[in-house]
Amino acid sequence: MMKHFLLLAMLVLAPCLTHLTEAVPSTLKPESQDRDKTSYTWTDRHEAIKLRHQSVKPEYVIIGDSITHHWGGEPADRFGQYGQASWARLFGPHTVTNMGFGFDYVDNAYYRVEQGELDGISPRVVILMIGTNNLGHRKDSAQACADNTKALVSLIRQKTPASKILILGILPRREKELGPVIADTNKRLASLADNKTIFFANPGLALQSNEPGIIRNTCTSDGVHLKPTGYGILGEEIAGTLSRIDSSYKGGKVPRPETIDGIAPEQIQLAAIGDSITDNYHKAQPPYQDFLPIWKEFYTPYNAVNLGVSGNTTDDVLARIGNQGILDHISPKVVQIMIGTNDTGQGISEEETFRGIRRVVDKVRAKLPESHILLIGILPSNIHHWHVPAAAEPVKKFQIDMKVNDRLARFYSDRSEVTFLDIRHVFLNPDGSLRSELFYDPHVVVINGQKAGPLHPDTKGQRLMAETIHPFIERLFKK
């Protein structure tokens, strides 16, 4: 009788044992790692997380590698955090544990979870952003990386059965040969989602260049890790996903300020987004930079807020929307955008600059669907003697900028929600050459003993620009 009972028990347990065996593929090697003792101590961080979870019960945990480790949050160590502003905005008032470990494979994360990092807690959402080291460092196949991640998801489900699991796609990298592998891996990871308790999102698409799987240079410090700009864009994308899958999510917004540029947020009717050319309206340094009176004359009557920041690229604008929430709490009738010259100034291609401006427009449209966008073309310039790559070929930059304008004019010609305005004619002579007398740089900027080439309009140029733009603003407000 006992033999029959044991045989029956073995037959009942056999499917379960088979399932557990299948959940740990041969490609998975659960183990600790200690590949760089100088940056941080892996075992110390592992113990710190377990100790934290004895008293802190996080609403969210994010399991990852160095990209997560460098982001922000607790526990912090000497590994360095470069995306604190984005982290704070993404998670807002929520209690979160950063379970990112520099240099980790999926295998190491599996081992950490197996060894107790999720014990005693039940976060609402467990976020996975790991696998880039499997593909880039160990050269795993897409199938192996996906299989290992599937096993990790299964283990997390056992450890925290009440949690939702959000799998994030592998972020793009600089190595072109990895682009197809990343895309293939993400396709396999997406198939793990049931959209009930397990979800997949691919926020890395917002960091991707026009080449699939390749990250934009403005978002990364070394082709893999993110700059604050990249973290800002990434956090904005993840916040949107969390708000869809978790009804208790309250992050993703900055507190409402009492005023912006001295104006109550609800009273703002026009927002001007841009780089130094927009930001310069704050300057009052006659004769060449006496811009504040121009702003007061042409923009103040519309309760306008100046959101220009010197040096900004299109990605910097996207990051400020993500990090600082520059469009939160406002609903202007018109948003003026003038951006792109710093993209080409840094050597970014015509195609990527065109796409970058479109990304900014699309993000503003998504944030402020009731606002009309007045998109101003890139101003012509001749930036020799500047500390930027394009200064070596100022004629080439000029040509690229004008080609971008031509493409924008065609692209937005039949879109009623966007008005594109190319004002290059204000700054060009009849023969197409630059009117250098309308720029202040040669007068006030000296680099290595040489006068800088024209880039920023002077007082006369800024007034001519404002006079050219104003009738379009006036027309939009009358609609």
Protein backbone atom coordinates (compact mmCIF):
# COMPACT_ATOMS: atom_id res chain seq x y z
CA MET A 1 0.00 0.00 0.00
CA MET A 2 2.82 2.40 0.92
CA LYS A 3 4.60 1.67 -2.38
CA HIS A 4 1.45 2.50 -4.33
CA PHE A 5 1.09 5.76 -2.35
CA LEU A 6 4.68 6.76 -3.03
CA LEU A 7 4.30 5.93 -6.70
CA LEU A 8 1.13 8.02 -6.89
CA ALA A 9 2.84 10.91 -5.09
CA MET A 10 5.76 10.80 -7.51
CA LEU A 11 3.40 10.83 -10.48
CA VAL A 12 1.55 13.84 -9.05
CA LEU A 13 4.76 15.75 -8.31
CA ALA A 14 6.46 14.84 -11.59
CA PRO A 15 4.81 17.63 -13.65
CA CYS A 16 5.72 20.20 -10.98
CA LEU A 17 9.33 19.03 -10.82
CA THR A 18 9.53 19.07 -14.60
CA HIS A 19 8.15 22.62 -14.66
CA LEU A 20 10.73 23.80 -12.12
CA THR A 21 13.51 22.15 -14.09
CA GLU A 22 12.33 23.81 -17.30
CA ALA A 23 12.15 27.19 -15.55
CA VAL A 24 15.96 27.15 -15.07
CA PRO A 25 17.52 26.74 -18.53
CA SER A 26 20.99 25.42 -19.06
CA THR A 27 22.12 28.91 -20.13
CA LEU A 28 21.37 30.29 -16.64
CA LYS A 29 24.23 30.23 -14.13
CA PRO A 30 22.93 31.56 -10.79
CA GLU A 31 25.93 32.94 -8.92
CA SER A 32 27.36 36.05 -7.33
CA GLN A 33 29.82 38.24 -9.19
CA ASP A 34 32.81 40.31 -8.27
CA ARG A 35 34.07 41.70 -11.56
CA ASP A 36 35.16 45.12 -10.25
CA LYS A 37 35.95 45.41 -6.55
CA THR A 38 37.03 49.06 -6.89
CA SER A 39 33.55 50.42 -7.74
CA TYR A 40 31.50 48.75 -5.02
CA THR A 41 31.35 45.51 -3.07
CA TRP A 42 28.74 43.15 -4.52
CA THR A 43 28.20 41.14 -1.32
CA ASP A 44 27.86 44.30 0.80
CA ARG A 45 25.17 45.66 -1.51
CA HIS A 46 23.36 42.31 -1.52
CA GLU A 47 23.31 42.27 2.29
CA ALA A 48 22.28 45.95 2.45
CA ILE A 49 19.20 45.25 0.34
CA LYS A 50 18.20 42.26 2.44
CA LEU A 51 18.68 44.31 5.62
CA ARG A 52 16.65 47.19 4.17
CA HIS A 53 13.74 44.89 3.43
CA GLN A 54 13.57 43.79 7.04
CA SER A 55 12.22 47.20 7.98
CA VAL A 56 11.33 48.96 4.70
CA LYS A 57 8.50 47.51 2.63
CA PRO A 58 8.85 49.13 -0.81
CA GLU A 59 5.95 49.74 -3.15
CA TYR A 60 8.28 49.28 -6.11
CA VAL A 61 11.60 47.56 -6.67
CA ILE A 62 13.63 47.82 -9.84
CA ILE A 63 16.02 44.96 -10.55
CA GLY A 64 18.84 45.77 -12.92
CA ASP A 65 22.50 46.23 -13.70
CA SER A 66 24.74 49.32 -13.72
CA ILE A 67 22.19 51.41 -15.63
CA THR A 68 19.77 50.98 -12.71
CA HIS A 69 22.53 51.11 -10.09
CA HIS A 70 23.71 54.50 -11.38
CA TRP A 71 20.18 55.94 -11.47
CA GLY A 72 19.24 56.98 -7.92
CA GLY A 73 17.38 55.94 -4.79
CA GLU A 74 18.29 53.61 -1.94
CA PRO A 75 20.46 51.90 -0.96
CA ALA A 76 23.12 54.28 -2.25
CA ASP A 77 26.82 53.42 -2.29
CA ARG A 78 30.03 54.65 -3.88
CA PHE A 79 29.05 53.39 -7.34
CA GLY A 80 27.68 56.86 -8.15
CA GLN A 81 24.21 58.12 -9.07
CA TYR A 82 23.68 60.27 -12.18
CA GLY A 83 19.92 60.36 -12.63
CA GLN A 84 18.65 61.46 -9.21
CA ALA A 85 16.30 64.11 -10.60
CA SER A 86 14.70 61.63 -12.96
CA TRP A 87 14.46 58.99 -10.20
CA ALA A 88 12.76 61.44 -7.84
CA ARG A 89 10.24 62.48 -10.49
CA LEU A 90 9.57 58.91 -11.62
CA PHE A 91 8.80 57.54 -8.18
CA GLY A 92 7.58 60.71 -6.44
CA PRO A 93 6.18 59.95 -2.98
CA HIS A 94 6.55 56.17 -3.25
CA THR A 95 8.92 53.93 -1.29
CA VAL A 96 11.30 52.23 -3.72
CA THR A 97 14.35 49.98 -3.56
CA ASN A 98 17.04 50.22 -6.21
CA MET A 99 18.14 46.61 -6.82
CA GLY A 100 20.56 47.51 -9.59
CA PHE A 101 24.06 45.98 -9.42
CA GLY A 102 26.84 47.15 -11.68
CA PHE A 103 28.13 44.45 -14.06
CA ASP A 104 25.29 42.02 -13.28
CA TYR A 105 23.96 39.48 -15.74
CA VAL A 106 20.41 38.17 -15.53
CA ASP A 107 22.05 35.15 -13.87
CA ASN A 108 23.38 37.26 -10.99
CA ALA A 109 19.99 38.91 -10.47
CA TYR A 110 18.41 35.44 -10.34
CA TYR A 111 20.90 34.43 -7.66
CA ARG A 112 20.23 37.60 -5.63
CA VAL A 113 16.48 36.99 -5.65
CA GLU A 114 17.01 33.32 -4.88
CA GLN A 115 19.18 34.34 -1.92
CA GLY A 116 16.56 36.52 -0.28
CA GLU A 117 16.47 40.06 -1.71
CA LEU A 118 12.68 39.88 -2.19
CA ASP A 119 11.97 37.89 0.96
CA GLY A 120 9.51 39.46 3.37
CA ILE A 121 8.21 42.11 0.97
CA SER A 122 5.38 42.34 -1.53
CA PRO A 123 5.89 45.37 -3.79
CA ARG A 124 3.01 46.41 -6.00
CA VAL A 125 5.28 46.29 -9.05
CA VAL A 126 8.62 44.59 -9.60
CA ILE A 127 10.41 46.26 -12.52
CA LEU A 128 13.05 44.37 -14.50
CA MET A 129 15.60 46.25 -16.60
CA ILE A 130 18.45 43.80 -17.10
CA GLY A 131 20.11 41.79 -19.83
CA THR A 132 22.36 44.25 -21.64
CA ASN A 133 25.47 42.64 -20.12
CA ASN A 134 24.31 39.22 -21.26
CA LEU A 135 24.16 40.49 -24.85
CA GLY A 136 27.02 42.99 -24.88
CA HIS A 137 29.58 41.44 -22.54
CA ARG A 138 28.93 37.70 -22.54
CA LYS A 139 27.55 37.67 -26.08
CA ASP A 140 24.52 35.52 -25.21
CA SER A 141 22.02 34.84 -27.97
CA ALA A 142 18.64 36.55 -27.94
CA GLN A 143 17.01 33.22 -27.10
CA ALA A 144 19.35 32.57 -24.16
CA CYS A 145 18.83 36.06 -22.72
CA ALA A 146 15.05 35.72 -23.04
CA ASP A 147 15.08 32.22 -21.52
CA ASN A 148 17.13 33.44 -18.56
CA THR A 149 14.77 36.37 -18.05
CA LYS A 150 11.77 34.04 -18.20
CA ALA A 151 13.32 31.99 -15.40
CA LEU A 152 13.90 35.16 -13.36
CA VAL A 153 10.28 36.20 -13.86
CA SER A 154 9.15 32.75 -12.69
CA LEU A 155 11.29 33.05 -9.56
CA ILE A 156 9.95 36.53 -8.81
CA ARG A 157 6.43 35.20 -9.18
CA GLN A 158 7.22 32.52 -6.58
CA LYS A 159 8.78 35.04 -4.19
CA THR A 160 6.15 37.78 -4.49
CA PRO A 161 3.01 36.22 -5.97
CA ALA A 162 0.85 39.30 -5.40
CA SER A 163 3.19 41.67 -7.28
CA LYS A 164 2.80 42.79 -10.85
CA ILE A 165 5.95 42.37 -12.92
CA LEU A 166 7.00 44.94 -15.51
CA ILE A 167 9.66 43.70 -17.93
CA LEU A 168 11.49 46.50 -19.71
CA GLY A 169 13.16 45.90 -23.04
CA ILE A 170 16.95 45.93 -23.40
CA LEU A 171 18.01 49.53 -23.97
CA PRO A 172 19.74 50.45 -27.24
CA ARG A 173 23.53 50.54 -27.30
CA ARG A 174 26.22 52.04 -29.53
CA GLU A 175 27.46 48.79 -31.11
CA LYS A 176 25.74 48.40 -34.47
CA GLU A 177 26.17 44.64 -34.52
CA LEU A 178 24.03 44.38 -31.37
CA GLY A 179 21.08 46.27 -32.83
CA PRO A 180 19.40 43.20 -34.41
CA VAL A 181 20.15 41.08 -31.31
CA ILE A 182 18.55 43.66 -29.01
CA ALA A 183 15.48 43.87 -31.25
CA ASP A 184 15.18 40.07 -31.36
CA THR A 185 15.59 39.80 -27.57
CA ASN A 186 12.95 42.44 -26.93
CA LYS A 187 10.53 40.64 -29.22
CA ARG A 188 11.02 37.47 -27.18
CA LEU A 189 10.70 39.36 -23.88
CA ALA A 190 7.43 40.91 -25.05
CA SER A 191 6.00 37.41 -25.52
CA LEU A 192 6.40 36.77 -21.78
CA ALA A 193 3.71 39.32 -20.93
CA ASP A 194 0.11 38.31 -20.26
CA ASN A 195 -0.99 41.93 -19.69
CA LYS A 196 -2.69 40.88 -16.45
CA THR A 197 0.10 40.37 -13.96
CA ILE A 198 3.14 40.43 -16.26
CA PHE A 199 3.67 43.41 -18.54
CA PHE A 200 6.24 44.44 -21.12
CA ALA A 201 7.29 47.93 -22.20
CA ASN A 202 10.14 49.12 -24.40
CA PRO A 203 11.05 52.63 -23.17
CA GLY A 204 14.40 52.35 -24.92
CA LEU A 205 12.67 53.23 -28.18
CA ALA A 206 12.62 56.82 -26.91
CA LEU A 207 16.44 56.71 -26.71
CA GLN A 208 16.94 55.06 -30.08
CA SER A 209 18.47 56.80 -33.07
CA ASN A 210 17.15 56.37 -36.58
CA GLU A 211 19.04 53.04 -36.60
CA PRO A 212 17.14 50.29 -34.72
CA GLY A 213 18.86 49.23 -31.51
CA ILE A 214 21.40 52.10 -31.62
CA ILE A 215 21.30 54.70 -28.85
CA ARG A 216 21.53 58.43 -29.60
CA ASN A 217 24.86 59.96 -28.59
CA THR A 218 23.17 62.77 -26.66
CA CYS A 219 21.59 60.23 -24.29
CA THR A 220 24.65 58.16 -23.38
CA SER A 221 28.02 58.73 -21.76
CA ASP A 222 29.83 55.76 -23.29
CA GLY A 223 27.44 53.99 -25.64
CA VAL A 224 25.82 51.93 -22.86
CA HIS A 225 25.32 54.02 -19.73
CA LEU A 226 22.99 56.99 -19.61
CA LYS A 227 23.63 60.67 -19.11
CA PRO A 228 21.11 62.62 -17.00
CA THR A 229 19.50 63.51 -20.33
CA GLY A 230 18.95 59.82 -21.07
CA TYR A 231 17.60 59.12 -17.60
CA GLY A 232 15.13 61.98 -17.95
CA ILE A 233 13.73 60.59 -21.19
CA LEU A 234 13.71 57.01 -19.85
CA GLY A 235 11.94 57.98 -16.64
CA GLU A 236 9.23 59.84 -18.54
CA GLU A 237 8.49 56.72 -20.59
CA ILE A 238 8.39 54.39 -17.58
CA ALA A 239 6.14 56.80 -15.68
CA GLY A 240 3.59 56.55 -18.47
CA THR A 241 3.66 52.75 -18.28
CA LEU A 242 3.33 52.65 -14.48
CA SER A 243 0.34 54.99 -14.60
CA ARG A 244 -1.39 52.54 -16.96
CA ILE A 245 -0.72 49.32 -15.04
CA ASP A 246 -0.90 50.56 -11.43
CA SER A 247 -3.87 52.65 -10.34
CA SER A 248 -2.03 53.62 -7.12
CA TYR A 249 0.92 55.16 -8.93
CA LYS A 250 1.34 58.84 -8.03
CA GLY A 251 4.80 59.61 -9.40
CA GLY A 252 5.72 61.25 -12.67
CA LYS A 253 4.80 64.80 -11.74
CA VAL A 254 6.56 67.68 -10.04
CA PRO A 255 4.73 69.68 -7.36
CA ARG A 256 2.77 72.63 -8.67
CA PRO A 257 4.91 75.78 -8.34
CA GLU A 258 3.27 78.98 -7.14
CA THR A 259 4.65 80.84 -10.14
CA ILE A 260 6.69 80.18 -13.28
CA ASP A 261 8.66 83.20 -14.44
CA GLY A 262 6.53 85.18 -12.02
CA ILE A 263 3.21 84.00 -13.52
CA ALA A 264 0.70 81.65 -11.92
CA PRO A 265 0.73 78.40 -13.95
CA GLU A 266 -2.95 78.58 -14.90
CA GLN A 267 -2.50 82.13 -16.26
CA ILE A 268 0.28 81.23 -18.72
CA GLN A 269 -0.97 81.64 -22.30
CA LEU A 270 2.29 81.18 -24.23
CA ALA A 271 5.34 79.00 -23.51
CA ALA A 272 8.59 79.54 -25.44
CA ILE A 273 10.80 76.43 -25.52
CA GLY A 274 14.33 76.61 -26.84
CA ASP A 275 18.04 77.03 -26.27
CA SER A 276 20.20 80.12 -25.65
CA ILE A 277 18.50 82.12 -28.40
CA THR A 278 15.23 81.88 -26.47
CA ASP A 279 16.88 82.09 -23.06
CA ASN A 280 18.68 85.29 -24.12
CA TYR A 281 15.46 87.25 -23.74
CA HIS A 282 16.36 87.38 -20.03
CA LYS A 283 19.49 89.39 -20.84
CA ALA A 284 19.70 93.17 -20.60
CA GLN A 285 23.28 94.10 -21.47
CA PRO A 286 23.19 96.89 -24.07
CA PRO A 287 24.03 97.54 -26.74
CA TYR A 288 24.47 94.05 -28.20
CA GLN A 289 22.34 92.04 -25.73
CA ASP A 290 19.52 94.33 -24.68
CA PHE A 291 16.83 91.67 -25.07
CA LEU A 292 14.57 92.06 -22.06
CA PRO A 293 12.67 95.06 -23.51
CA ILE A 294 11.98 93.01 -26.65
CA TRP A 295 10.49 90.18 -24.57
CA LYS A 296 8.35 92.62 -22.62
CA GLU A 297 7.07 94.22 -25.81
CA PHE A 298 6.28 91.12 -27.85
CA TYR A 299 5.72 88.29 -25.34
CA THR A 300 4.71 89.68 -21.94
CA PRO A 301 1.23 90.74 -23.20
CA TYR A 302 0.49 87.02 -23.72
CA ASN A 303 1.54 86.02 -20.18
CA ALA A 304 4.46 84.19 -21.74
CA VAL A 305 6.90 81.97 -19.86
CA ASN A 306 10.48 81.61 -21.11
CA LEU A 307 11.55 77.93 -21.09
CA GLY A 308 14.78 78.40 -23.00
CA VAL A 309 18.03 76.97 -21.60
CA SER A 310 21.44 77.75 -23.06
CA GLY A 311 23.13 74.81 -24.76
CA ASN A 312 20.01 72.66 -25.01
CA THR A 313 19.67 70.05 -27.72
CA THR A 314 16.38 68.43 -28.68
CA ASP A 315 17.13 65.59 -26.25
CA ASP A 316 17.85 68.07 -23.48
CA VAL A 317 14.39 69.53 -24.00
CA LEU A 318 12.85 66.06 -23.84
CA ALA A 319 14.79 65.41 -20.63
CA ARG A 320 13.60 68.66 -19.06
CA ILE A 321 10.03 67.69 -19.87
CA GLY A 322 10.82 64.38 -18.14
CA ASN A 323 13.07 65.53 -15.27
CA GLN A 324 11.76 68.97 -14.42
CA GLY A 325 8.20 68.73 -15.64
CA ILE A 326 8.44 72.04 -17.49
CA LEU A 327 5.03 71.43 -19.09
CA ASP A 328 3.29 70.18 -15.95
CA HIS A 329 0.58 72.40 -14.51
CA ILE A 330 0.34 74.72 -17.54
CA SER A 331 -2.05 74.82 -20.47
CA PRO A 332 -0.95 77.62 -22.80
CA LYS A 333 -2.82 78.48 -25.97
CA VAL A 334 0.44 78.57 -27.95
CA VAL A 335 3.78 76.81 -27.49
CA GLN A 336 6.65 78.34 -29.45
CA ILE A 337 9.51 75.91 -30.14
CA MET A 338 12.88 76.94 -31.55
CA ILE A 339 15.46 74.19 -31.13
CA GLY A 340 17.99 72.21 -33.16
CA THR A 341 21.02 74.43 -33.72
CA ASN A 342 22.93 72.76 -30.88
CA ASP A 343 22.16 69.35 -32.34
CA THR A 344 23.91 70.14 -35.61
CA GLY A 345 26.53 72.11 -33.68
CA GLN A 346 27.48 68.87 -31.92
CA GLY A 347 27.78 67.08 -35.24
CA ILE A 348 24.43 65.34 -35.16
CA SER A 349 23.25 64.48 -38.65
CA GLU A 350 20.53 66.16 -40.66
CA GLU A 351 18.30 63.08 -40.31
CA GLU A 352 18.69 62.81 -36.54
CA THR A 353 18.21 66.55 -36.01
CA PHE A 354 15.04 66.44 -38.09
CA ARG A 355 13.80 63.49 -36.05
CA GLY A 356 14.83 65.18 -32.80
CA ILE A 357 12.74 68.27 -33.52
CA ARG A 358 9.82 66.04 -34.43
CA ARG A 359 10.25 64.17 -31.12
CA VAL A 360 10.03 67.45 -29.23
CA VAL A 361 6.90 68.47 -31.14
CA ASP A 362 5.31 65.07 -30.55
CA LYS A 363 6.08 65.16 -26.82
CA VAL A 364 4.66 68.67 -26.46
CA ARG A 365 1.56 67.59 -28.40
CA ALA A 366 1.14 64.59 -26.09
CA LYS A 367 1.49 66.76 -22.99
CA LEU A 368 -0.55 69.72 -24.23
CA PRO A 369 -3.04 68.42 -26.81
CA GLU A 370 -5.11 71.62 -26.70
CA SER A 371 -2.17 73.94 -27.40
CA HIS A 372 -1.16 75.09 -30.87
CA ILE A 373 2.52 74.73 -31.69
CA LEU A 374 4.44 77.46 -33.48
CA LEU A 375 7.62 75.78 -34.67
CA ILE A 376 10.42 78.19 -35.65
CA GLY A 377 13.10 76.93 -38.04
CA ILE A 378 16.78 76.76 -37.13
CA LEU A 379 18.45 80.13 -37.57
CA PRO A 380 21.31 80.34 -40.07
CA SER A 381 24.73 80.66 -38.43
CA ASN A 382 28.46 80.54 -39.05
CA ILE A 383 29.97 79.12 -35.88
CA HIS A 384 33.74 79.10 -36.59
CA HIS A 385 35.98 79.30 -33.48
CA TRP A 386 33.34 77.70 -31.24
CA HIS A 387 34.19 74.67 -29.06
CA VAL A 388 31.82 72.41 -30.97
CA PRO A 389 32.49 69.85 -33.72
CA ALA A 390 30.56 71.78 -36.35
CA ALA A 391 32.84 74.81 -35.96
CA ALA A 392 35.38 72.98 -38.13
CA GLU A 393 32.90 73.02 -41.04
CA PRO A 394 30.60 76.01 -40.52
CA VAL A 395 29.43 75.97 -44.16
CA LYS A 396 28.34 72.35 -43.74
CA LYS A 397 26.38 73.20 -40.59
CA PHE A 398 24.66 76.05 -42.39
CA GLN A 399 23.65 73.72 -45.22
CA ILE A 400 22.40 71.01 -42.86
CA ASP A 401 20.35 73.49 -40.84
CA MET A 402 18.64 74.83 -43.93
CA LYS A 403 17.93 71.30 -45.21
CA VAL A 404 16.34 70.47 -41.86
CA ASN A 405 14.15 73.56 -42.20
CA ASP A 406 13.11 72.53 -45.70
CA ARG A 407 12.14 69.07 -44.45
CA LEU A 408 10.20 70.49 -41.51
CA ALA A 409 8.31 72.83 -43.84
CA ARG A 410 7.23 69.90 -45.99
CA PHE A 411 6.42 67.63 -43.06
CA TYR A 412 4.19 70.12 -41.24
CA SER A 413 2.63 71.73 -44.32
CA ASP A 414 -0.70 69.95 -43.88
CA ARG A 415 -0.86 69.63 -40.07
CA SER A 416 -3.34 72.07 -38.63
CA GLU A 417 -2.06 71.71 -35.06
CA VAL A 418 1.48 72.86 -35.96
CA THR A 419 2.51 76.05 -37.74
CA PHE A 420 6.05 75.97 -39.12
CA LEU A 421 7.78 79.31 -39.63
CA ASP A 422 11.15 79.62 -41.38
CA ILE A 423 12.65 83.05 -40.70
CA ARG A 424 16.04 82.52 -42.32
CA HIS A 425 15.39 85.40 -44.72
CA VAL A 426 15.70 87.86 -41.82
CA PHE A 427 19.36 86.92 -41.35
CA LEU A 428 20.45 86.45 -44.97
CA ASN A 429 21.61 88.88 -47.62
CA PRO A 430 20.02 88.73 -51.09
CA ASP A 431 22.95 86.57 -52.27
CA GLY A 432 22.29 84.02 -49.50
CA SER A 433 25.24 85.00 -47.32
CA LEU A 434 24.87 85.61 -43.59
CA ARG A 435 24.17 89.11 -42.27
CA SER A 436 26.96 88.99 -39.69
CA GLU A 437 26.02 92.45 -38.40
CA LEU A 438 22.86 90.95 -36.84
CA PHE A 439 24.82 88.73 -34.42
CA TYR A 440 26.58 89.71 -31.19
CA ASP A 441 29.16 86.88 -31.03
CA PRO A 442 31.94 88.56 -33.04
CA HIS A 443 31.63 91.61 -30.77
CA VAL A 444 31.63 89.96 -27.33
CA VAL A 445 32.87 86.35 -27.64
CA VAL A 446 36.59 85.60 -28.00
CA ILE A 447 37.81 81.97 -28.01
CA ASN A 448 41.54 81.26 -28.06
CA GLY A 449 42.18 84.85 -29.06
CA GLN A 450 39.80 84.74 -32.03
CA LYS A 451 36.40 86.32 -32.42
CA ALA A 452 33.64 83.72 -32.50
CA GLY A 453 31.57 83.32 -35.63
CA PRO A 454 27.92 84.42 -35.74
CA LEU A 455 25.46 82.23 -33.87
CA HIS A 456 23.33 84.39 -31.53
CA PRO A 457 21.33 87.38 -32.78
CA ASP A 458 22.23 90.73 -31.25
CA THR A 459 19.69 93.30 -30.10
CA LYS A 460 18.78 94.32 -33.64
CA GLY A 461 18.63 90.72 -34.85
CA GLN A 462 16.51 89.62 -31.90
CA ARG A 463 14.08 92.49 -32.52
CA LEU A 464 13.79 91.67 -36.22
CA MET A 465 13.16 88.06 -35.27
CA ALA A 466 10.45 88.99 -32.76
CA GLU A 467 8.82 91.36 -35.24
CA THR A 468 8.71 88.57 -37.83
CA ILE A 469 7.25 85.99 -35.43
CA HIS A 470 4.72 88.28 -33.73
CA PRO A 471 2.08 88.43 -36.50
CA PHE A 472 1.84 84.63 -36.43
CA ILE A 473 1.42 84.59 -32.65
CA GLU A 474 -1.23 87.28 -32.94
CA ARG A 475 -3.05 85.27 -35.62
CA LEU A 476 -3.00 82.10 -33.53
CA PHE A 477 -4.45 83.89 -30.50
CA LYS A 478 -7.27 85.23 -32.62
CA LYS A 479 -8.29 81.73 -33.74
